[in-house]
């Protein structure tokens, strides 16, 4: 029985001695370097996580570039375009104006099919990046002529301006593989 009693006394003395032990040696020699190393590691991973999070947010805001989809060259596409070109060569100024408006509407429709959103062609053209359509500047110039027709009641459309605008639309339609 004395052995059990001695064991309990030893156990109690050991527990009490833990309260009186000088842990500064352990803290200074072991815990401080370990704490410093862990702090550096956690700081690195915190900065790395912030950088990766910003990249993810940025990629969510940037739309994924997809190839512009347009209907492939079909005989009816060429036939429809030839009718527009024929109207554009008319001696009647109103027929030429109508031809340019039709060409503008056609491009608007094609860009809509390609996934560009907007109320009109101008809004869709603002979304197109330079690398997507090489003839983007030509489209803008042709669209400006169309806007003058639509917004200026007394706008006089010469045959030369009509031919220039139609050729710009045609260049874009060929690039988009519509005709």
N, C-alpha and C. Protein backbone atom coordinates (compact mmCIF):
# COMPACT_ATOMS: atom_id res chain seq x y z
N UNK A 1 0.81 -1.18 0.00
CA UNK A 1 0.00 0.00 0.00
C UNK A 1 0.87 1.26 0.00
N UNK A 2 2.01 1.15 0.68
CA UNK A 2 2.93 2.29 0.68
C UNK A 2 3.41 2.61 -0.74
N UNK A 3 3.53 1.62 -1.55
CA UNK A 3 3.99 1.86 -2.93
C UNK A 3 2.98 2.70 -3.71
N UNK A 4 1.72 2.42 -3.51
CA UNK A 4 0.68 3.21 -4.21
C UNK A 4 0.69 4.62 -3.67
N UNK A 5 0.80 4.75 -2.35
CA UNK A 5 0.83 6.07 -1.75
C UNK A 5 2.05 6.84 -2.25
N UNK A 6 3.21 6.19 -2.30
CA UNK A 6 4.43 6.84 -2.80
C UNK A 6 4.27 7.27 -4.27
N UNK A 7 3.61 6.45 -5.04
CA UNK A 7 3.38 6.82 -6.46
C UNK A 7 2.53 8.09 -6.57
N UNK A 8 1.46 8.17 -5.76
CA UNK A 8 0.61 9.37 -5.79
C UNK A 8 1.37 10.60 -5.32
N UNK A 9 2.19 10.47 -4.35
CA UNK A 9 2.99 11.60 -3.87
C UNK A 9 3.96 12.04 -4.97
N UNK A 10 4.60 11.08 -5.61
CA UNK A 10 5.53 11.40 -6.71
C UNK A 10 4.79 12.12 -7.84
N UNK A 11 3.62 11.64 -8.16
CA UNK A 11 2.83 12.26 -9.23
C UNK A 11 2.44 13.69 -8.87
N UNK A 12 2.02 13.93 -7.68
CA UNK A 12 1.62 15.27 -7.24
C UNK A 12 2.84 16.19 -7.22
N UNK A 13 3.98 15.71 -6.73
CA UNK A 13 5.19 16.53 -6.72
C UNK A 13 5.63 16.90 -8.14
N UNK A 14 5.49 15.97 -9.07
CA UNK A 14 5.86 16.24 -10.47
C UNK A 14 4.95 17.30 -11.07
N UNK A 15 3.66 17.19 -10.81
CA UNK A 15 2.71 18.18 -11.35
C UNK A 15 2.99 19.54 -10.74
N UNK A 16 3.23 19.63 -9.46
CA UNK A 16 3.51 20.91 -8.80
C UNK A 16 4.83 21.47 -9.30
N UNK A 17 5.81 20.64 -9.55
CA UNK A 17 7.11 21.14 -10.02
C UNK A 17 7.00 21.76 -11.42
N UNK A 18 6.01 21.32 -12.18
CA UNK A 18 5.82 21.93 -13.51
C UNK A 18 5.49 23.41 -13.40
N UNK A 19 4.82 23.79 -12.32
CA UNK A 19 4.47 25.20 -12.13
C UNK A 19 5.68 26.04 -11.74
N UNK A 20 6.68 25.46 -11.20
CA UNK A 20 7.86 26.19 -10.74
C UNK A 20 9.05 26.08 -11.68
N UNK A 21 8.90 25.36 -12.81
CA UNK A 21 10.00 25.17 -13.74
C UNK A 21 10.25 26.46 -14.52
N UNK A 22 11.46 26.77 -14.84
CA UNK A 22 11.82 27.97 -15.60
C UNK A 22 11.74 27.66 -17.09
N UNK A 23 10.64 28.06 -17.69
CA UNK A 23 10.40 27.78 -19.12
C UNK A 23 11.03 28.80 -20.05
N UNK A 24 11.66 29.81 -19.53
CA UNK A 24 12.26 30.84 -20.39
C UNK A 24 13.35 30.25 -21.27
N UNK A 25 14.04 29.26 -20.78
CA UNK A 25 15.09 28.61 -21.55
C UNK A 25 14.46 27.90 -22.77
N UNK A 26 13.38 27.20 -22.53
CA UNK A 26 12.69 26.50 -23.62
C UNK A 26 12.12 27.51 -24.60
N UNK A 27 11.51 28.58 -24.07
CA UNK A 27 10.89 29.59 -24.93
C UNK A 27 11.92 30.28 -25.79
N UNK A 28 13.04 30.65 -25.19
CA UNK A 28 14.07 31.38 -25.94
C UNK A 28 14.80 30.49 -26.94
N UNK A 29 15.07 29.31 -26.60
CA UNK A 29 15.90 28.45 -27.44
C UNK A 29 15.11 27.63 -28.46
N UNK A 30 13.87 27.32 -28.17
CA UNK A 30 13.13 26.43 -29.05
C UNK A 30 11.88 27.11 -29.64
N UNK A 31 11.04 27.66 -28.78
CA UNK A 31 9.76 28.19 -29.25
C UNK A 31 9.89 29.45 -30.10
N UNK A 32 10.80 30.34 -29.77
CA UNK A 32 10.94 31.57 -30.56
C UNK A 32 11.36 31.29 -32.00
N UNK A 33 12.38 30.46 -32.24
CA UNK A 33 12.73 30.17 -33.64
C UNK A 33 11.61 29.44 -34.40
N UNK A 34 10.93 28.52 -33.72
CA UNK A 34 9.83 27.83 -34.38
C UNK A 34 8.70 28.81 -34.70
N UNK A 35 8.38 29.70 -33.76
CA UNK A 35 7.33 30.71 -33.99
C UNK A 35 7.71 31.64 -35.14
N UNK A 36 8.97 32.04 -35.18
CA UNK A 36 9.42 32.92 -36.27
C UNK A 36 9.28 32.22 -37.62
N UNK A 37 9.71 30.98 -37.71
CA UNK A 37 9.64 30.23 -38.97
C UNK A 37 8.18 30.06 -39.41
N UNK A 38 7.31 29.71 -38.47
CA UNK A 38 5.89 29.57 -38.81
C UNK A 38 5.29 30.90 -39.25
N UNK A 39 5.68 32.00 -38.63
CA UNK A 39 5.17 33.32 -39.02
C UNK A 39 5.58 33.67 -40.45
N UNK A 40 6.83 33.38 -40.79
CA UNK A 40 7.30 33.65 -42.16
C UNK A 40 6.53 32.80 -43.16
N UNK A 41 6.33 31.53 -42.83
CA UNK A 41 5.60 30.64 -43.74
C UNK A 41 4.16 31.12 -43.92
N UNK A 42 3.49 31.47 -42.82
CA UNK A 42 2.10 31.95 -42.91
C UNK A 42 2.01 33.28 -43.64
N UNK A 43 2.98 34.16 -43.45
CA UNK A 43 2.98 35.44 -44.17
C UNK A 43 3.12 35.19 -45.68
N UNK A 44 4.02 34.29 -46.05
CA UNK A 44 4.20 33.96 -47.46
C UNK A 44 2.89 33.44 -48.07
N UNK A 45 2.26 32.49 -47.40
CA UNK A 45 1.02 31.92 -47.93
C UNK A 45 -0.13 32.92 -47.94
N UNK A 46 -0.13 33.87 -47.02
CA UNK A 46 -1.15 34.92 -47.02
C UNK A 46 -0.98 35.80 -48.26
N UNK A 47 0.23 36.24 -48.52
CA UNK A 47 0.49 37.08 -49.71
C UNK A 47 0.18 36.29 -50.97
N UNK A 48 0.61 35.06 -51.03
CA UNK A 48 0.35 34.21 -52.21
C UNK A 48 -1.15 34.04 -52.43
N UNK A 49 -1.92 33.84 -51.35
CA UNK A 49 -3.37 33.67 -51.46
C UNK A 49 -4.04 34.94 -51.98
N UNK A 50 -3.59 36.09 -51.51
CA UNK A 50 -4.15 37.36 -51.98
C UNK A 50 -3.89 37.54 -53.46
N UNK A 51 -2.68 37.26 -53.92
CA UNK A 51 -2.33 37.39 -55.34
C UNK A 51 -3.20 36.45 -56.18
N UNK A 52 -3.32 35.20 -55.76
CA UNK A 52 -4.13 34.24 -56.51
C UNK A 52 -5.60 34.63 -56.52
N UNK A 53 -6.09 35.14 -55.41
CA UNK A 53 -7.49 35.58 -55.33
C UNK A 53 -7.75 36.73 -56.31
N UNK A 54 -6.82 37.67 -56.38
CA UNK A 54 -6.98 38.79 -57.33
C UNK A 54 -6.98 38.28 -58.77
N UNK A 55 -6.12 37.31 -59.08
CA UNK A 55 -6.10 36.74 -60.43
C UNK A 55 -7.43 36.08 -60.76
N UNK A 56 -8.00 35.38 -59.80
CA UNK A 56 -9.29 34.71 -60.02
C UNK A 56 -10.38 35.74 -60.25
N UNK A 57 -10.41 36.79 -59.44
CA UNK A 57 -11.43 37.84 -59.62
C UNK A 57 -11.25 38.52 -60.96
N UNK A 58 -10.02 38.80 -61.35
CA UNK A 58 -9.76 39.44 -62.64
C UNK A 58 -10.21 38.55 -63.80
N UNK A 59 -9.95 37.25 -63.69
CA UNK A 59 -10.36 36.34 -64.76
C UNK A 59 -11.86 36.22 -64.84
N UNK A 60 -12.55 36.41 -63.73
CA UNK A 60 -14.01 36.37 -63.75
C UNK A 60 -14.59 37.60 -64.43
N UNK A 61 -13.89 38.73 -64.33
CA UNK A 61 -14.37 39.97 -64.95
C UNK A 61 -14.04 40.01 -66.44
N UNK A 62 -12.96 39.37 -66.85
CA UNK A 62 -12.53 39.39 -68.24
C UNK A 62 -13.28 38.32 -69.02
N UNK A 63 -14.02 38.72 -70.04
CA UNK A 63 -14.74 37.70 -70.80
C UNK A 63 -13.77 36.81 -71.57
N UNK A 64 -14.14 35.60 -71.71
CA UNK A 64 -13.33 34.65 -72.45
C UNK A 64 -13.49 34.94 -73.93
N UNK A 65 -12.36 35.09 -74.62
CA UNK A 65 -12.42 35.36 -76.05
C UNK A 65 -12.78 34.08 -76.79
N UNK A 66 -13.81 34.19 -77.56
CA UNK A 66 -14.20 33.07 -78.39
C UNK A 66 -14.14 33.52 -79.83
N UNK A 67 -13.97 32.57 -80.71
CA UNK A 67 -13.95 32.90 -82.12
C UNK A 67 -15.33 33.37 -82.51
N UNK A 68 -15.37 34.43 -83.30
CA UNK A 68 -16.64 34.98 -83.74
C UNK A 68 -17.34 33.96 -84.62
N UNK A 69 -18.57 33.65 -84.24
CA UNK A 69 -19.37 32.71 -85.03
C UNK A 69 -20.24 33.50 -85.99
N UNK A 70 -20.18 33.17 -87.24
CA UNK A 70 -21.09 33.72 -88.24
C UNK A 70 -21.50 32.58 -89.16
N UNK A 71 -22.67 32.72 -89.76
CA UNK A 71 -23.07 31.68 -90.71
C UNK A 71 -22.04 31.58 -91.83
N UNK A 72 -21.75 30.38 -92.25
CA UNK A 72 -20.76 30.17 -93.31
C UNK A 72 -21.30 30.66 -94.65
N UNK A 73 -20.38 30.82 -95.58
CA UNK A 73 -20.74 31.31 -96.91
C UNK A 73 -21.77 30.36 -97.53
N UNK A 74 -22.91 30.93 -97.83
CA UNK A 74 -23.98 30.16 -98.46
C UNK A 74 -24.43 30.91 -99.71
N UNK A 75 -24.98 30.20 -100.68
CA UNK A 75 -25.44 30.88 -101.89
C UNK A 75 -26.47 31.96 -101.59
N UNK A 76 -27.36 31.71 -100.62
CA UNK A 76 -28.37 32.73 -100.31
C UNK A 76 -27.76 33.97 -99.67
N UNK A 77 -26.64 33.80 -98.93
CA UNK A 77 -25.94 34.96 -98.37
C UNK A 77 -25.40 35.83 -99.51
N UNK A 78 -24.76 35.19 -100.47
CA UNK A 78 -24.19 35.92 -101.61
C UNK A 78 -25.29 36.58 -102.42
N UNK A 79 -26.39 35.88 -102.61
CA UNK A 79 -27.52 36.43 -103.36
C UNK A 79 -28.09 37.66 -102.65
N UNK A 80 -28.25 37.56 -101.33
CA UNK A 80 -28.78 38.69 -100.55
C UNK A 80 -27.82 39.89 -100.63
N UNK A 81 -26.53 39.62 -100.50
CA UNK A 81 -25.56 40.70 -100.58
C UNK A 81 -25.55 41.34 -101.96
N UNK A 82 -25.65 40.54 -103.01
CA UNK A 82 -25.68 41.08 -104.37
C UNK A 82 -26.88 42.00 -104.59
N UNK A 83 -28.00 41.69 -103.96
CA UNK A 83 -29.17 42.58 -104.05
C UNK A 83 -28.89 43.92 -103.38
N UNK A 84 -28.20 43.88 -102.24
CA UNK A 84 -27.83 45.13 -101.56
C UNK A 84 -26.88 45.94 -102.43
N UNK A 85 -25.89 45.27 -103.02
CA UNK A 85 -24.93 45.96 -103.89
C UNK A 85 -25.64 46.56 -105.09
N UNK A 86 -26.58 45.83 -105.64
CA UNK A 86 -27.34 46.33 -106.79
C UNK A 86 -28.11 47.59 -106.43
N UNK A 87 -28.75 47.60 -105.26
CA UNK A 87 -29.46 48.80 -104.80
C UNK A 87 -28.50 49.96 -104.59
N UNK A 88 -27.29 49.65 -104.13
CA UNK A 88 -26.32 50.72 -103.85
C UNK A 88 -25.83 51.40 -105.12
N UNK A 89 -26.00 50.75 -106.27
CA UNK A 89 -25.55 51.32 -107.54
C UNK A 89 -26.66 52.07 -108.26
N UNK A 90 -27.80 52.14 -107.63
CA UNK A 90 -28.96 52.79 -108.24
C UNK A 90 -28.71 54.30 -108.40
N UNK A 91 -29.38 54.86 -109.38
CA UNK A 91 -29.30 56.31 -109.56
C UNK A 91 -30.20 57.02 -108.57
N UNK A 92 -31.14 56.29 -107.98
CA UNK A 92 -32.05 56.84 -106.98
C UNK A 92 -31.33 56.89 -105.63
N UNK A 93 -31.18 58.10 -105.11
CA UNK A 93 -30.46 58.29 -103.86
C UNK A 93 -31.12 57.53 -102.70
N UNK A 94 -32.45 57.48 -102.68
CA UNK A 94 -33.16 56.78 -101.61
C UNK A 94 -32.85 55.27 -101.63
N UNK A 95 -32.70 54.69 -102.82
CA UNK A 95 -32.34 53.28 -102.92
C UNK A 95 -30.94 53.04 -102.37
N UNK A 96 -30.03 53.97 -102.65
CA UNK A 96 -28.66 53.85 -102.13
C UNK A 96 -28.66 53.95 -100.61
N UNK A 97 -29.44 54.88 -100.08
CA UNK A 97 -29.53 55.01 -98.62
C UNK A 97 -30.10 53.74 -98.01
N UNK A 98 -31.14 53.22 -98.63
CA UNK A 98 -31.75 51.99 -98.13
C UNK A 98 -30.74 50.83 -98.18
N UNK A 99 -29.93 50.78 -99.21
CA UNK A 99 -28.92 49.72 -99.33
C UNK A 99 -27.90 49.80 -98.19
N UNK A 100 -27.47 51.00 -97.85
CA UNK A 100 -26.51 51.14 -96.75
C UNK A 100 -27.15 50.77 -95.41
N UNK A 101 -28.40 51.14 -95.22
CA UNK A 101 -29.09 50.77 -93.98
C UNK A 101 -29.23 49.25 -93.89
N UNK A 102 -29.53 48.62 -95.02
CA UNK A 102 -29.64 47.15 -95.05
C UNK A 102 -28.31 46.48 -94.75
N UNK A 103 -27.23 47.01 -95.32
CA UNK A 103 -25.90 46.45 -95.07
C UNK A 103 -25.54 46.61 -93.59
N UNK A 104 -25.85 47.75 -93.01
CA UNK A 104 -25.59 48.00 -91.60
C UNK A 104 -26.38 47.03 -90.73
N UNK A 105 -27.64 46.80 -91.09
CA UNK A 105 -28.49 45.87 -90.34
C UNK A 105 -27.95 44.45 -90.45
N UNK A 106 -27.42 44.09 -91.59
CA UNK A 106 -26.85 42.75 -91.79
C UNK A 106 -25.64 42.55 -90.87
N UNK A 107 -24.75 43.51 -90.83
CA UNK A 107 -23.57 43.42 -89.96
C UNK A 107 -24.03 43.36 -88.49
N UNK A 108 -25.02 44.16 -88.15
CA UNK A 108 -25.57 44.16 -86.79
C UNK A 108 -26.07 42.77 -86.41
N UNK A 109 -26.78 42.15 -87.33
CA UNK A 109 -27.32 40.80 -87.10
C UNK A 109 -26.18 39.79 -86.93
N UNK A 110 -25.17 39.87 -87.76
CA UNK A 110 -24.05 38.92 -87.70
C UNK A 110 -23.29 39.07 -86.37
N UNK A 111 -23.05 40.31 -85.96
CA UNK A 111 -22.35 40.50 -84.68
C UNK A 111 -23.21 40.03 -83.51
N UNK A 112 -24.53 40.16 -83.63
CA UNK A 112 -25.42 39.63 -82.61
C UNK A 112 -25.31 38.12 -82.51
N UNK A 113 -25.24 37.45 -83.67
CA UNK A 113 -25.06 35.99 -83.69
C UNK A 113 -23.71 35.59 -83.10
N UNK A 114 -22.74 36.49 -83.22
CA UNK A 114 -21.40 36.20 -82.70
C UNK A 114 -21.32 36.40 -81.19
N UNK A 115 -22.40 36.90 -80.59
CA UNK A 115 -22.42 37.03 -79.14
C UNK A 115 -22.19 38.43 -78.62
N UNK A 116 -22.14 39.41 -79.49
CA UNK A 116 -21.98 40.79 -79.04
C UNK A 116 -23.36 41.35 -78.72
N UNK A 117 -23.48 41.92 -77.52
CA UNK A 117 -24.76 42.47 -77.10
C UNK A 117 -24.77 43.97 -77.31
N UNK A 118 -25.96 44.50 -77.49
CA UNK A 118 -26.11 45.94 -77.62
C UNK A 118 -27.39 46.26 -78.37
N UNK A 119 -27.85 47.49 -78.17
CA UNK A 119 -29.09 47.92 -78.82
C UNK A 119 -28.93 48.06 -80.33
N UNK A 120 -27.74 48.47 -80.74
CA UNK A 120 -27.53 48.75 -82.17
C UNK A 120 -26.10 48.38 -82.54
N UNK A 121 -25.77 48.61 -83.79
CA UNK A 121 -24.45 48.24 -84.27
C UNK A 121 -23.35 49.02 -83.55
N UNK A 122 -23.59 50.28 -83.28
CA UNK A 122 -22.57 51.09 -82.59
C UNK A 122 -22.20 50.49 -81.24
N UNK A 123 -23.21 50.06 -80.48
CA UNK A 123 -22.95 49.45 -79.16
C UNK A 123 -22.18 48.14 -79.32
N UNK A 124 -22.49 47.39 -80.36
CA UNK A 124 -21.79 46.11 -80.57
C UNK A 124 -20.36 46.35 -81.03
N UNK A 125 -20.16 47.34 -81.89
CA UNK A 125 -18.80 47.63 -82.37
C UNK A 125 -17.89 48.09 -81.23
N UNK A 126 -18.45 48.74 -80.22
CA UNK A 126 -17.64 49.17 -79.08
C UNK A 126 -17.09 47.98 -78.30
N UNK A 127 -17.77 46.85 -78.38
CA UNK A 127 -17.33 45.65 -77.65
C UNK A 127 -16.27 44.86 -78.42
N UNK A 128 -16.20 45.07 -79.72
CA UNK A 128 -15.27 44.31 -80.55
C UNK A 128 -13.85 44.83 -80.30
N UNK A 129 -12.94 43.91 -80.09
CA UNK A 129 -11.54 44.29 -79.91
C UNK A 129 -10.84 44.28 -81.26
N UNK A 130 -9.78 45.05 -81.36
CA UNK A 130 -9.07 45.20 -82.63
C UNK A 130 -8.62 43.87 -83.23
N UNK A 131 -8.22 42.94 -82.43
CA UNK A 131 -7.75 41.67 -82.94
C UNK A 131 -8.86 40.75 -83.44
N UNK A 132 -10.09 41.03 -83.03
CA UNK A 132 -11.21 40.17 -83.43
C UNK A 132 -11.58 40.38 -84.89
N UNK A 133 -11.66 41.63 -85.30
CA UNK A 133 -12.02 41.96 -86.68
C UNK A 133 -11.01 42.99 -87.19
N UNK A 134 -10.27 42.62 -88.22
CA UNK A 134 -9.25 43.53 -88.75
C UNK A 134 -9.87 44.76 -89.40
N UNK A 135 -11.05 44.59 -89.98
CA UNK A 135 -11.70 45.71 -90.68
C UNK A 135 -12.60 46.51 -89.75
N UNK A 136 -12.29 46.54 -88.47
CA UNK A 136 -13.11 47.26 -87.49
C UNK A 136 -13.21 48.75 -87.83
N UNK A 137 -12.09 49.35 -88.19
CA UNK A 137 -12.11 50.79 -88.54
C UNK A 137 -12.98 51.05 -89.77
N UNK A 138 -12.93 50.15 -90.74
CA UNK A 138 -13.77 50.29 -91.93
C UNK A 138 -15.25 50.20 -91.55
N UNK A 139 -15.57 49.28 -90.65
CA UNK A 139 -16.96 49.16 -90.20
C UNK A 139 -17.43 50.44 -89.52
N UNK A 140 -16.57 51.03 -88.70
CA UNK A 140 -16.94 52.28 -88.05
C UNK A 140 -17.20 53.38 -89.07
N UNK A 141 -16.33 53.47 -90.07
CA UNK A 141 -16.52 54.52 -91.09
C UNK A 141 -17.83 54.32 -91.85
N UNK A 142 -18.11 53.10 -92.23
CA UNK A 142 -19.36 52.81 -92.94
C UNK A 142 -20.57 53.08 -92.04
N UNK A 143 -20.45 52.73 -90.78
CA UNK A 143 -21.55 52.95 -89.83
C UNK A 143 -21.81 54.45 -89.63
N UNK A 144 -20.75 55.24 -89.67
CA UNK A 144 -20.92 56.70 -89.55
C UNK A 144 -21.75 57.25 -90.71
N UNK A 145 -21.52 56.74 -91.91
CA UNK A 145 -22.32 57.16 -93.07
C UNK A 145 -23.77 56.77 -92.84
N UNK A 146 -24.00 55.56 -92.38
CA UNK A 146 -25.36 55.10 -92.10
C UNK A 146 -26.02 55.99 -91.04
N UNK A 147 -25.28 56.39 -90.02
CA UNK A 147 -25.84 57.27 -88.99
C UNK A 147 -26.22 58.63 -89.55
N UNK A 148 -25.41 59.14 -90.46
CA UNK A 148 -25.76 60.42 -91.08
C UNK A 148 -27.05 60.29 -91.89
N UNK A 149 -27.22 59.16 -92.57
CA UNK A 149 -28.45 58.92 -93.32
C UNK A 149 -29.64 58.89 -92.37
N UNK A 150 -29.48 58.21 -91.25
CA UNK A 150 -30.59 58.02 -90.32
C UNK A 150 -30.91 59.28 -89.52
N UNK A 151 -29.93 60.12 -89.23
CA UNK A 151 -30.15 61.23 -88.32
C UNK A 151 -30.17 62.61 -88.97
N UNK A 152 -29.71 62.70 -90.18
CA UNK A 152 -29.73 63.99 -90.88
C UNK A 152 -30.70 63.89 -92.04
N UNK A 153 -31.82 64.57 -91.91
CA UNK A 153 -32.88 64.47 -92.91
C UNK A 153 -32.44 64.96 -94.29
N UNK A 154 -31.59 65.96 -94.35
CA UNK A 154 -31.18 66.53 -95.64
C UNK A 154 -29.83 66.02 -96.12
N UNK A 155 -29.37 64.91 -95.58
CA UNK A 155 -28.06 64.38 -95.97
C UNK A 155 -28.10 63.90 -97.42
N UNK A 156 -27.17 64.40 -98.20
CA UNK A 156 -27.06 64.01 -99.61
C UNK A 156 -25.99 62.93 -99.72
N UNK A 157 -26.39 61.79 -100.23
CA UNK A 157 -25.48 60.65 -100.35
C UNK A 157 -25.04 60.52 -101.80
N UNK A 158 -23.77 60.76 -102.03
CA UNK A 158 -23.24 60.64 -103.39
C UNK A 158 -22.99 59.18 -103.72
N UNK A 159 -22.89 58.92 -105.01
CA UNK A 159 -22.60 57.56 -105.46
C UNK A 159 -21.22 57.09 -104.98
N UNK A 160 -20.26 58.01 -104.91
CA UNK A 160 -18.91 57.67 -104.46
C UNK A 160 -18.90 57.25 -102.99
N UNK A 161 -19.61 58.01 -102.13
CA UNK A 161 -19.69 57.65 -100.71
C UNK A 161 -20.39 56.31 -100.53
N UNK A 162 -21.41 56.09 -101.35
CA UNK A 162 -22.13 54.83 -101.26
C UNK A 162 -21.21 53.67 -101.61
N UNK A 163 -20.47 53.80 -102.70
CA UNK A 163 -19.55 52.73 -103.11
C UNK A 163 -18.48 52.49 -102.06
N UNK A 164 -17.96 53.56 -101.47
CA UNK A 164 -16.92 53.42 -100.44
C UNK A 164 -17.48 52.69 -99.20
N UNK A 165 -18.67 53.08 -98.79
CA UNK A 165 -19.26 52.44 -97.61
C UNK A 165 -19.61 50.98 -97.89
N UNK A 166 -20.17 50.71 -99.05
CA UNK A 166 -20.52 49.33 -99.41
C UNK A 166 -19.27 48.46 -99.48
N UNK A 167 -18.19 49.01 -100.03
CA UNK A 167 -16.95 48.22 -100.11
C UNK A 167 -16.40 47.94 -98.71
N UNK A 168 -16.60 48.85 -97.77
CA UNK A 168 -16.15 48.62 -96.39
C UNK A 168 -16.98 47.52 -95.73
N UNK A 169 -18.30 47.58 -95.95
CA UNK A 169 -19.16 46.51 -95.42
C UNK A 169 -18.77 45.16 -96.05
N UNK A 170 -18.52 45.19 -97.35
CA UNK A 170 -18.17 43.95 -98.06
C UNK A 170 -16.86 43.36 -97.53
N UNK A 171 -15.90 44.23 -97.25
CA UNK A 171 -14.63 43.77 -96.70
C UNK A 171 -14.85 43.05 -95.37
N UNK A 172 -15.70 43.62 -94.51
CA UNK A 172 -15.98 42.99 -93.22
C UNK A 172 -16.75 41.68 -93.40
N UNK A 173 -17.69 41.67 -94.31
CA UNK A 173 -18.47 40.44 -94.53
C UNK A 173 -17.58 39.31 -95.06
N UNK A 174 -16.62 39.65 -95.89
CA UNK A 174 -15.69 38.63 -96.39
C UNK A 174 -14.79 38.14 -95.24
N UNK A 175 -14.35 39.07 -94.43
CA UNK A 175 -13.51 38.68 -93.30
C UNK A 175 -14.29 37.77 -92.33
N UNK A 176 -15.55 38.06 -92.14
CA UNK A 176 -16.39 37.25 -91.27
C UNK A 176 -16.89 35.99 -91.94
N UNK A 177 -16.48 35.79 -93.18
CA UNK A 177 -16.82 34.61 -93.98
C UNK A 177 -18.33 34.47 -94.19
N UNK A 178 -19.00 35.62 -94.32
CA UNK A 178 -20.43 35.58 -94.63
C UNK A 178 -20.65 35.49 -96.13
N UNK A 179 -19.78 36.19 -96.87
CA UNK A 179 -19.87 36.12 -98.34
C UNK A 179 -18.53 35.66 -98.90
